[in-house]
C-alpha atoms as a PDB file:
ATOM      1  CA  MET A   1      47.961  75.306 156.351  1.00  0.00           C
ATOM      2  CA  PRO A   2      50.383  72.623 154.331  1.00  0.00           C
ATOM      3  CA  LEU A   3      49.855  73.016 150.716  1.00  0.00           C
ATOM      4  CA  ARG A   4      47.690  70.200 149.205  1.00  0.00           C
ATOM      5  CA  TRP A   5      48.520  67.984 146.265  1.00  0.00           C
ATOM      6  CA  GLN A   6      46.141  69.889 143.787  1.00  0.00           C
ATOM      7  CA  GLU A   7      47.616  73.184 144.622  1.00  0.00           C
ATOM      8  CA  VAL A   8      50.710  71.758 142.776  1.00  0.00           C
ATOM      9  CA  ALA A   9      49.423  69.752 140.421  1.00  0.00           C
ATOM     10  CA  LEU A  10      47.666  71.873 139.073  1.00  0.00           C
ATOM     11  CA  PRO A  11      50.049  74.726 137.506  1.00  0.00           C
ATOM     12  CA  LEU A  12      52.085  71.645 136.236  1.00  0.00           C
ATOM     13  CA  ILE A  13      49.506  70.133 134.175  1.00  0.00           C
ATOM     14  CA  VAL A  14      48.592  73.494 132.641  1.00  0.00           C
ATOM     15  CA  ILE A  15      52.091  74.647 131.841  1.00  0.00           C
ATOM     16  CA  THR A  16      52.980  71.022 130.347  1.00  0.00           C
ATOM     17  CA  ILE A  17      49.758  71.460 128.111  1.00  0.00           C
ATOM     18  CA  LEU A  18      50.971  74.131 127.123  1.00  0.00           C
ATOM     19  CA  ILE A  19      54.285  73.268 126.226  1.00  0.00           C
ATOM     20  CA  ALA A  20      52.676  70.027 124.301  1.00  0.00           C
ATOM     21  CA  LEU A  21      50.391  72.155 122.065  1.00  0.00           C
ATOM     22  CA  LYS A  22      53.545  74.233 121.347  1.00  0.00           C
ATOM     23  CA  TYR A  23      54.598  70.935 119.135  1.00  0.00           C
ATOM     24  CA  VAL A  24      51.086  70.548 117.598  1.00  0.00           C
ATOM     25  CA  PRO A  25      50.783  71.685 114.021  1.00  0.00           C
ATOM     26  CA  ALA A  26      47.320  73.575 114.477  1.00  0.00           C
ATOM     27  CA  THR A  27      48.655  75.587 117.514  1.00  0.00           C
ATOM     28  CA  ALA A  28      52.395  76.005 117.014  1.00  0.00           C
ATOM     29  CA  HIS A  29      52.105  79.829 115.834  1.00  0.00           C
ATOM     30  CA  LEU A  30      50.309  80.851 119.321  1.00  0.00           C
ATOM     31  CA  PRO A  31      52.147  82.427 122.099  1.00  0.00           C
ATOM     32  CA  LEU A  32      51.902  79.262 124.084  1.00  0.00           C
ATOM     33  CA  SER A  33      55.468  79.851 125.359  1.00  0.00           C
ATOM     34  CA  ARG A  34      54.596  83.348 126.981  1.00  0.00           C
ATOM     35  CA  ALA A  35      51.149  81.661 128.229  1.00  0.00           C
ATOM     36  CA  ALA A  36      53.411  79.292 130.133  1.00  0.00           C
ATOM     37  CA  GLY A  37      55.498  82.001 131.388  1.00  0.00           C
ATOM     38  CA  VAL A  38      53.068  83.914 132.983  1.00  0.00           C
ATOM     39  CA  VAL A  39      51.430  80.723 134.366  1.00  0.00           C
ATOM     40  CA  ALA A  40      54.868  79.847 135.934  1.00  0.00           C
ATOM     41  CA  PHE A  41      55.126  83.516 137.354  1.00  0.00           C
ATOM     42  CA  GLY A  42      51.665  83.685 138.698  1.00  0.00           C
ATOM     43  CA  TYR A  43      52.306  80.047 140.380  1.00  0.00           C
ATOM     44  CA  ALA A  44      55.747  81.889 142.113  1.00  0.00           C
ATOM     45  CA  ALA A  45      53.972  84.877 143.327  1.00  0.00           C
ATOM     46  CA  PHE A  46      51.300  82.276 144.386  1.00  0.00           C
ATOM     47  CA  LEU A  47      53.779  80.371 146.416  1.00  0.00           C
ATOM     48  CA  ALA A  48      54.872  83.253 147.767  1.00  0.00           C
ATOM     49  CA  LEU A  49      52.052  84.739 149.098  1.00  0.00           C
ATOM     50  CA  ARG A  50      51.125  81.272 150.493  1.00  0.00           C
ATOM     51  CA  LEU A  51      54.005  81.445 152.744  1.00  0.00           C
ATOM     52  CA  VAL A  52      52.421  84.645 154.164  1.00  0.00           C
ATOM     53  CA  GLN A  53      48.878  83.523 154.962  1.00  0.00           C
ATOM     54  CA  PRO A  54      48.292  83.833 158.223  1.00  0.00           C
ATOM     55  CA  GLU A  55      47.332  80.889 160.343  1.00  0.00           C
ATOM     56  CA  GLU A  56      45.130  82.294 163.098  1.00  0.00           C
ATOM     57  CA  ALA A  57      41.447  83.579 162.560  1.00  0.00           C
ATOM     58  CA  VAL A  58      40.700  87.521 163.334  1.00  0.00           C
ATOM     59  CA  MET A  59      38.665  87.658 166.897  1.00  0.00           C
ATOM     60  CA  VAL A  60      35.775  90.345 166.442  1.00  0.00           C
ATOM     61  CA  ASP A  61      33.197  90.895 169.210  1.00  0.00           C
ATOM     62  CA  GLY A  62      33.565  87.481 170.657  1.00  0.00           C
ATOM     63  CA  TRP A  63      33.812  85.486 167.575  1.00  0.00           C
ATOM     64  CA  SER A  64      36.695  83.805 165.794  1.00  0.00           C
ATOM     65  CA  GLU A  65      36.268  85.378 162.110  1.00  0.00           C
ATOM     66  CA  LEU A  66      38.283  84.357 158.545  1.00  0.00           C
ATOM     67  CA  ARG A  67      39.237  86.494 156.202  1.00  0.00           C
ATOM     68  CA  PRO A  68      40.209  86.767 152.872  1.00  0.00           C
ATOM     69  CA  SER A  69      44.066  86.305 152.411  1.00  0.00           C
ATOM     70  CA  MET A  70      46.544  87.942 149.950  1.00  0.00           C
ATOM     71  CA  VAL A  71      46.631  84.642 147.645  1.00  0.00           C
ATOM     72  CA  GLU A  72      42.888  84.972 147.494  1.00  0.00           C
ATOM     73  CA  TYR A  73      43.056  89.265 146.449  1.00  0.00           C
ATOM     74  CA  PHE A  74      46.067  88.470 144.355  1.00  0.00           C
ATOM     75  CA  ALA A  75      44.207  85.603 142.146  1.00  0.00           C
ATOM     76  CA  CYS A  76      40.740  87.312 141.444  1.00  0.00           C
ATOM     77  CA  TYR A  77      41.989  90.770 140.787  1.00  0.00           C
ATOM     78  CA  GLY A  78      44.991  89.666 138.836  1.00  0.00           C
ATOM     79  CA  ALA A  79      42.881  87.128 137.019  1.00  0.00           C
ATOM     80  CA  ALA A  80      40.646  90.083 136.141  1.00  0.00           C
ATOM     81  CA  ALA A  81      42.846  92.440 134.783  1.00  0.00           C
ATOM     82  CA  LEU A  82      44.659  89.804 132.809  1.00  0.00           C
ATOM     83  CA  ALA A  83      41.348  89.250 131.044  1.00  0.00           C
ATOM     84  CA  ALA A  84      40.981  93.149 130.699  1.00  0.00           C
ATOM     85  CA  VAL A  85      44.168  93.313 129.213  1.00  0.00           C
ATOM     86  CA  ILE A  86      43.590  90.373 126.513  1.00  0.00           C
ATOM     87  CA  LEU A  87      40.042  91.747 125.505  1.00  0.00           C
ATOM     88  CA  SER A  88      41.901  95.315 124.889  1.00  0.00           C
ATOM     89  CA  ALA A  89      44.287  93.605 122.870  1.00  0.00           C
ATOM     90  CA  ILE A  90      41.795  91.786 120.948  1.00  0.00           C
ATOM     91  CA  ILE A  91      39.800  94.940 120.308  1.00  0.00           C
ATOM     92  CA  PHE A  92      42.553  97.077 119.334  1.00  0.00           C
ATOM     93  CA  MET A  93      44.615  94.635 117.676  1.00  0.00           C
ATOM     94  CA  GLY A  94      42.101  91.893 116.641  1.00  0.00           C
ATOM     95  CA  GLY A  95      42.250  92.873 112.910  1.00  0.00           C
ATOM     96  CA  SER A  96      46.008  91.470 112.268  1.00  0.00           C
ATOM     97  CA  ALA A  97      45.053  88.450 114.045  1.00  0.00           C
ATOM     98  CA  ASP A  98      44.025  85.425 112.400  1.00  0.00           C
ATOM     99  CA  THR A  99      41.001  83.311 113.290  1.00  0.00           C
ATOM    100  CA  ALA A 100      42.702  80.611 115.833  1.00  0.00           C
ATOM    101  CA  GLN A 101      44.616  83.477 117.905  1.00  0.00           C
ATOM    102  CA  LEU A 102      41.172  85.176 117.885  1.00  0.00           C
ATOM    103  CA  VAL A 103      39.771  82.038 119.463  1.00  0.00           C
ATOM    104  CA  ALA A 104      42.456  81.456 122.015  1.00  0.00           C
ATOM    105  CA  ALA A 105      42.432  84.438 122.927  1.00  0.00           C
ATOM    106  CA  TYR A 106      38.849  85.328 123.785  1.00  0.00           C
ATOM    107  CA  ALA A 107      39.131  81.635 125.635  1.00  0.00           C
ATOM    108  CA  ALA A 108      41.304  82.855 128.038  1.00  0.00           C
ATOM    109  CA  VAL A 109      39.141  85.880 128.664  1.00  0.00           C
ATOM    110  CA  LEU A 110      36.525  83.649 129.317  1.00  0.00           C
ATOM    111  CA  LEU A 111      38.446  81.424 131.779  1.00  0.00           C
ATOM    112  CA  LEU A 112      40.440  84.370 133.831  1.00  0.00           C
ATOM    113  CA  ALA A 113      36.926  86.047 133.836  1.00  0.00           C
ATOM    114  CA  GLY A 114      34.899  83.168 135.035  1.00  0.00           C
ATOM    115  CA  GLY A 115      37.698  82.191 137.788  1.00  0.00           C
ATOM    116  CA  ALA A 116      37.895  85.742 139.013  1.00  0.00           C
ATOM    117  CA  LEU A 117      34.160  85.655 139.417  1.00  0.00           C
ATOM    118  CA  GLY A 118      34.558  82.319 141.219  1.00  0.00           C
ATOM    119  CA  ILE A 119      37.126  83.797 143.377  1.00  0.00           C
ATOM    120  CA  GLY A 120      35.337  86.587 144.091  1.00  0.00           C
ATOM    121  CA  LEU A 121      31.901  84.672 145.302  1.00  0.00           C
ATOM    122  CA  VAL A 122      33.477  82.039 146.911  1.00  0.00           C
ATOM    123  CA  GLY A 123      36.598  83.454 148.654  1.00  0.00           C
ATOM    124  CA  LEU A 124      36.243  87.521 148.881  1.00  0.00           C
ATOM    125  CA  PHE A 125      32.639  87.969 149.851  1.00  0.00           C
ATOM    126  CA  THR A 126      31.828  85.091 151.995  1.00  0.00           C
ATOM    127  CA  ARG A 127      31.835  85.648 155.696  1.00  0.00           C
ATOM    128  CA  VAL A 128      32.531  82.709 157.869  1.00  0.00           C
ATOM    129  CA  ARG A 129      32.630  83.035 161.982  1.00  0.00           C
ATOM    130  CA  TRP A 130      32.467  80.507 164.899  1.00  0.00           C
ATOM    131  CA  ASP A 131      32.666  80.892 168.785  1.00  0.00           C
ATOM    132  CA  PHE A 132      32.378  77.747 171.395  1.00  0.00           C
ATOM    133  CA  LYS A 133      28.312  76.795 170.620  1.00  0.00           C
ATOM    134  CA  ARG A 134      28.613  77.086 166.600  1.00  0.00           C
ATOM    135  CA  VAL A 135      29.838  78.044 163.187  1.00  0.00           C
ATOM    136  CA  GLU A 136      28.315  80.584 160.883  1.00  0.00           C
ATOM    137  CA  HIS A 137      28.662  80.985 157.086  1.00  0.00           C
ATOM    138  CA  ARG A 138      27.052  83.452 155.007  1.00  0.00           C
ATOM    139  CA  ASN A 139      27.822  83.257 151.143  1.00  0.00           C
ATOM    140  CA  ALA A 140      27.823  86.142 148.372  1.00  0.00           C
ATOM    141  CA  PHE A 141      24.317  86.261 148.103  1.00  0.00           C
ATOM    142  CA  GLY A 142      23.212  86.493 151.421  1.00  0.00           C
ATOM    143  CA  ARG A 143      22.681  83.107 152.456  1.00  0.00           C
ATOM    144  CA  HIS A 144      22.941  81.808 156.119  1.00  0.00           C
ATOM    145  CA  THR A 145      23.615  78.433 157.207  1.00  0.00           C
ATOM    146  CA  SER A 146      24.717  77.593 161.169  1.00  0.00           C
ATOM    147  CA  ILE A 147      26.161  74.585 162.546  1.00  0.00           C
ATOM    148  CA  ASP A 148      26.321  73.851 165.984  1.00  0.00           C
ATOM    149  CA  TRP A 149      29.351  71.979 167.013  1.00  0.00           C
ATOM    150  CA  SER A 150      27.831  69.275 168.938  1.00  0.00           C
ATOM    151  CA  GLU A 151      26.386  68.356 165.314  1.00  0.00           C
ATOM    152  CA  VAL A 152      29.617  68.176 163.640  1.00  0.00           C
ATOM    153  CA  ARG A 153      30.555  64.677 161.906  1.00  0.00           C
ATOM    154  CA  SER A 154      33.097  65.062 159.672  1.00  0.00           C
ATOM    155  CA  VAL A 155      35.667  67.654 158.381  1.00  0.00           C
ATOM    156  CA  SER A 156      37.143  66.831 154.605  1.00  0.00           C
ATOM    157  CA  PRO A 157      38.906  68.744 151.762  1.00  0.00           C
ATOM    158  CA  ASN A 158      37.719  69.218 148.658  1.00  0.00           C
ATOM    159  CA  TRP A 159      38.031  70.929 145.252  1.00  0.00           C
ATOM    160  CA  ARG A 160      36.272  73.486 146.613  1.00  0.00           C
ATOM    161  CA  GLY A 161      37.931  74.213 149.985  1.00  0.00           C
ATOM    162  CA  ILE A 162      37.320  72.209 153.403  1.00  0.00           C
ATOM    163  CA  THR A 163      33.571  70.909 154.146  1.00  0.00           C
ATOM    164  CA  ILE A 164      32.297  70.755 158.190  1.00  0.00           C
ATOM    165  CA  SER A 165      29.469  68.598 157.441  1.00  0.00           C
ATOM    166  CA  THR A 166      26.910  67.243 160.097  1.00  0.00           C
ATOM    167  CA  GLY A 167      25.493  64.534 157.633  1.00  0.00           C
ATOM    168  CA  ASP A 168      22.461  66.458 156.699  1.00  0.00           C
ATOM    169  CA  THR A 169      23.905  70.130 156.187  1.00  0.00           C
ATOM    170  CA  GLY A 170      27.388  71.561 155.464  1.00  0.00           C
ATOM    171  CA  ILE A 171      29.458  74.367 155.308  1.00  0.00           C
ATOM    172  CA  THR A 172      32.638  75.074 153.034  1.00  0.00           C
ATOM    173  CA  PHE A 173      34.989  77.531 153.415  1.00  0.00           C
ATOM    174  CA  SER A 174      38.280  78.425 151.371  1.00  0.00           C
ATOM    175  CA  GLN A 175      41.555  76.922 152.182  1.00  0.00           C
ATOM    176  CA  PHE A 176      43.093  80.272 151.386  1.00  0.00           C
ATOM    177  CA  HIS A 177      41.322  82.269 153.763  1.00  0.00           C
ATOM    178  CA  GLY A 178      43.735  83.392 156.327  1.00  0.00           C
ATOM    179  CA  GLY A 179      42.583  81.433 159.742  1.00  0.00           C
ATOM    180  CA  ALA A 180      41.721  78.431 157.523  1.00  0.00           C
ATOM    181  CA  ALA A 181      44.001  76.236 159.346  1.00  0.00           C
ATOM    182  CA  GLU A 182      42.953  77.029 162.867  1.00  0.00           C
ATOM    183  CA  LEU A 183      39.121  76.475 161.867  1.00  0.00           C
ATOM    184  CA  ALA A 184      39.988  73.358 160.242  1.00  0.00           C
ATOM    185  CA  LYS A 185      41.685  71.715 163.483  1.00  0.00           C
ATOM    186  CA  HIS A 186      38.956  72.973 165.950  1.00  0.00           C
ATOM    187  CA  ALA A 187      36.356  71.603 163.332  1.00  0.00           C
ATOM    188  CA  THR A 188      37.957  67.883 163.146  1.00  0.00           C
ATOM    189  CA  GLN A 189      38.541  68.375 167.092  1.00  0.00           C
ATOM    190  CA  ARG A 190      35.094  68.738 167.581  1.00  0.00           C
ATOM    191  CA  ALA A 191      34.115  65.897 165.018  1.00  0.00           C
ATOM    192  CA  ARG A 192      36.265  63.533 166.777  1.00  0.00           C
ATOM    193  CA  ARG A 193      35.310  64.356 170.265  1.00  0.00           C
ATOM    194  CA  ASN A 194      31.293  64.013 168.969  1.00  0.00           C
ATOM    195  CA  THR A 195      31.857  60.751 166.956  1.00  0.00           C
ATOM    196  CA  ALA A 196      33.700  59.212 170.324  1.00  0.00           C
ATOM    197  CA  SER A 197      30.734  60.265 172.064  1.00  0.00           C
ATOM    198  CA  ALA A 198      28.042  59.071 169.446  1.00  0.00           C
ATOM    199  CA  ALA A 199      30.419  55.386 169.808  1.00  0.00           C
ATOM    200  CA  VAL A 200      29.926  55.269 173.899  1.00  0.00           C
ATOM    201  CA  PRO A 201      27.114  52.955 174.493  1.00  0.00           C
ATOM    202  CA  ALA A 202      24.060  54.780 176.820  1.00  0.00           C
END
């Protein structure tokens, strides 16, 4: 699946903000250059893993099934590990840091931990599968949603991923899942076919 503009814009915006804050007197003493370097390294790793993201789903007992990709594992566990490292540094070396550095470090820990938790819930611990009749989604809390292909009306990308919608209900899956491109293509074809059928007068 090709890169979306959000995947390119977000890291560039973050790096630009970090560099700009380096020239603000109130934040000039913070290690913002290192933070920008970490973001740049992480984005380079993201691009490398994105290239090897599988395009096709896995077949399991007659169902095509999405699987978490290396991008999601890297983002989830990498963010959690980095949050743990920063938190450890705060605990063991917090006495020598000033208030601004501590606040920035705590904010980074919260953002990284929240990101890791969100990626885990949305990406790693969900299940999406489909056959020739329907597509099914089970989230991290066990909630099950099923949509018949004959009811699909639209397929649209959004900030959470890609949503297959019937108008009344919808299933959203991560564009970083292995096989996401195959599911998006199949759902788009079904939506077009259903729309064309609905437009034909009885």
